[in-house]
Amino acid sequence: MSVYDPALPQPRRVAYALVLGEEGVACVAEDTQVLTRVVIFNLVAQSRPGQIDDGQLQRIRAALTAEDWQEAIVAWMDATGKQLNIFDDEPVWTDVSLDAERLRLELPLSPIFAEPS
């Protein structure tokens, strides 16, 4: 079963980033360009200067000022110890792409119902 079924209308696609750790923060956007701006605005720019050492703070600020978004994100991860998992071009599942009838028909054919080998 796949959202890529050619008989279905083309699914919407999104990019998302997950901040690993206790916060459970996720950012979702229509593509990676927008996602980068979301991460910059909602994560990097919201960092408190008192929680980042001066050298790393200057590195982040310099990257932001130069609009070097990737460097700013890497510098932020280095400074905070936080990690991002970024996924681009992921499908958005809808009722059309996986309705109850399709699930009912295809579920018995899925690997979980195969005989152990």
Protein backbone atom coordinates (compact mmCIF):
# COMPACT_ATOMS: atom_id res chain seq x y z
CA MET A 1 0.00 0.00 0.00
CA SER A 2 1.43 3.37 -0.93
CA VAL A 3 0.36 6.98 -1.05
CA TYR A 4 2.05 6.99 -4.47
CA ASP A 5 -0.76 4.99 -6.09
CA PRO A 6 -1.04 6.45 -9.63
CA ALA A 7 -4.83 6.01 -9.55
CA LEU A 8 -5.08 8.55 -6.73
CA PRO A 9 -4.84 12.31 -7.08
CA GLN A 10 -1.34 13.64 -6.38
CA PRO A 11 -0.95 14.00 -2.62
CA ARG A 12 0.21 17.22 -1.03
CA ARG A 13 3.84 17.20 0.00
CA VAL A 14 5.46 18.82 3.03
CA ALA A 15 8.84 19.18 4.67
CA TYR A 16 9.24 18.84 8.41
CA ALA A 17 11.87 19.03 11.10
CA LEU A 18 11.83 17.27 14.45
CA VAL A 19 13.89 18.54 17.35
CA LEU A 20 15.17 15.45 19.08
CA GLY A 21 14.85 15.45 22.83
CA GLU A 22 12.40 16.18 25.55
CA GLU A 23 10.55 19.10 23.97
CA GLY A 24 8.95 17.11 21.18
CA VAL A 25 9.08 20.11 18.86
CA ALA A 26 8.09 19.72 15.21
CA CYS A 27 8.06 22.31 12.43
CA VAL A 28 6.08 21.71 9.24
CA ALA A 29 6.21 23.72 6.01
CA GLU A 30 5.30 23.42 2.36
CA ASP A 31 8.92 22.88 1.27
CA THR A 32 12.50 22.93 2.57
CA GLN A 33 13.05 26.60 1.74
CA VAL A 34 10.13 27.64 3.92
CA LEU A 35 11.09 25.05 6.53
CA THR A 36 14.54 26.60 6.83
CA ARG A 37 12.98 29.99 7.55
CA VAL A 38 10.59 28.43 10.08
CA VAL A 39 13.49 26.77 11.92
CA ILE A 40 15.47 30.03 11.88
CA PHE A 41 12.56 32.10 13.19
CA ASN A 42 10.99 29.65 15.66
CA LEU A 43 14.07 27.91 17.04
CA VAL A 44 17.36 29.67 16.33
CA ALA A 45 16.15 33.27 16.77
CA GLN A 46 14.28 32.42 19.99
CA SER A 47 17.46 31.24 21.75
CA ARG A 48 18.41 33.13 24.90
CA PRO A 49 21.90 34.71 24.66
CA GLY A 50 22.64 33.95 28.31
CA GLN A 51 22.36 30.23 27.59
CA ILE A 52 24.93 30.22 24.77
CA ASP A 53 28.65 30.87 25.16
CA ASP A 54 29.92 34.11 23.62
CA GLY A 55 31.92 32.56 20.76
CA GLN A 56 29.01 30.38 19.66
CA LEU A 57 26.60 33.29 20.05
CA GLN A 58 28.73 35.42 17.74
CA ARG A 59 28.92 32.56 15.22
CA ILE A 60 25.11 32.25 15.19
CA ARG A 61 24.59 36.00 14.91
CA ALA A 62 27.14 36.31 12.09
CA ALA A 63 25.43 33.52 10.14
CA LEU A 64 22.00 35.08 10.68
CA THR A 65 23.24 38.52 9.63
CA ALA A 66 24.80 37.02 6.48
CA GLU A 67 21.56 35.09 5.84
CA ASP A 68 23.60 31.89 5.79
CA TRP A 69 20.70 29.85 7.13
CA GLN A 70 22.38 26.44 7.03
CA GLU A 71 25.40 27.74 8.95
CA ALA A 72 23.09 29.42 11.48
CA ILE A 73 21.23 26.16 12.06
CA VAL A 74 24.47 24.15 12.40
CA ALA A 75 25.91 26.78 14.77
CA TRP A 76 22.70 26.70 16.82
CA MET A 77 22.83 22.90 17.05
CA ASP A 78 26.50 23.07 18.10
CA ALA A 79 25.75 25.73 20.72
CA THR A 80 22.66 24.09 22.20
CA GLY A 81 23.47 20.42 21.74
CA LYS A 82 20.06 20.00 20.07
CA GLN A 83 19.66 17.85 17.01
CA LEU A 84 17.25 18.22 14.12
CA ASN A 85 15.95 15.49 11.88
CA ILE A 86 14.78 17.11 8.66
CA PHE A 87 12.58 15.37 6.13
CA ASP A 88 11.67 16.90 2.81
CA ASP A 89 9.01 16.11 0.25
CA GLU A 90 6.93 13.86 2.50
CA PRO A 91 3.34 12.94 1.59
CA VAL A 92 0.37 14.25 3.53
CA TRP A 93 -2.07 11.40 3.96
CA THR A 94 -5.70 12.29 3.40
CA ASP A 95 -8.98 10.43 3.50
CA VAL A 96 -8.83 10.26 -0.31
CA SER A 97 -5.36 8.65 -0.31
CA LEU A 98 -6.27 6.11 2.39
CA ASP A 99 -9.97 5.75 2.95
CA ALA A 100 -11.55 3.10 5.18
CA GLU A 101 -12.59 0.89 2.24
CA ARG A 102 -9.07 0.79 0.79
CA LEU A 103 -7.64 -0.03 4.21
CA ARG A 104 -10.18 -2.82 4.68
CA LEU A 105 -9.28 -4.33 1.28
CA GLU A 106 -5.48 -3.98 1.45
CA LEU A 107 -4.82 -4.67 5.12
CA PRO A 108 -5.20 -8.47 4.84
CA LEU A 109 -2.53 -8.41 2.09
CA SER A 110 0.02 -6.57 4.21
CA PRO A 111 3.18 -8.30 5.55
CA ILE A 112 1.83 -8.62 9.11
CA PHE A 113 -0.66 -11.21 7.84
CA ALA A 114 1.93 -13.28 5.92
CA GLU A 115 2.94 -16.67 7.25
CA PRO A 116 6.24 -16.63 9.17
CA SER A 117 9.14 -17.91 7.10
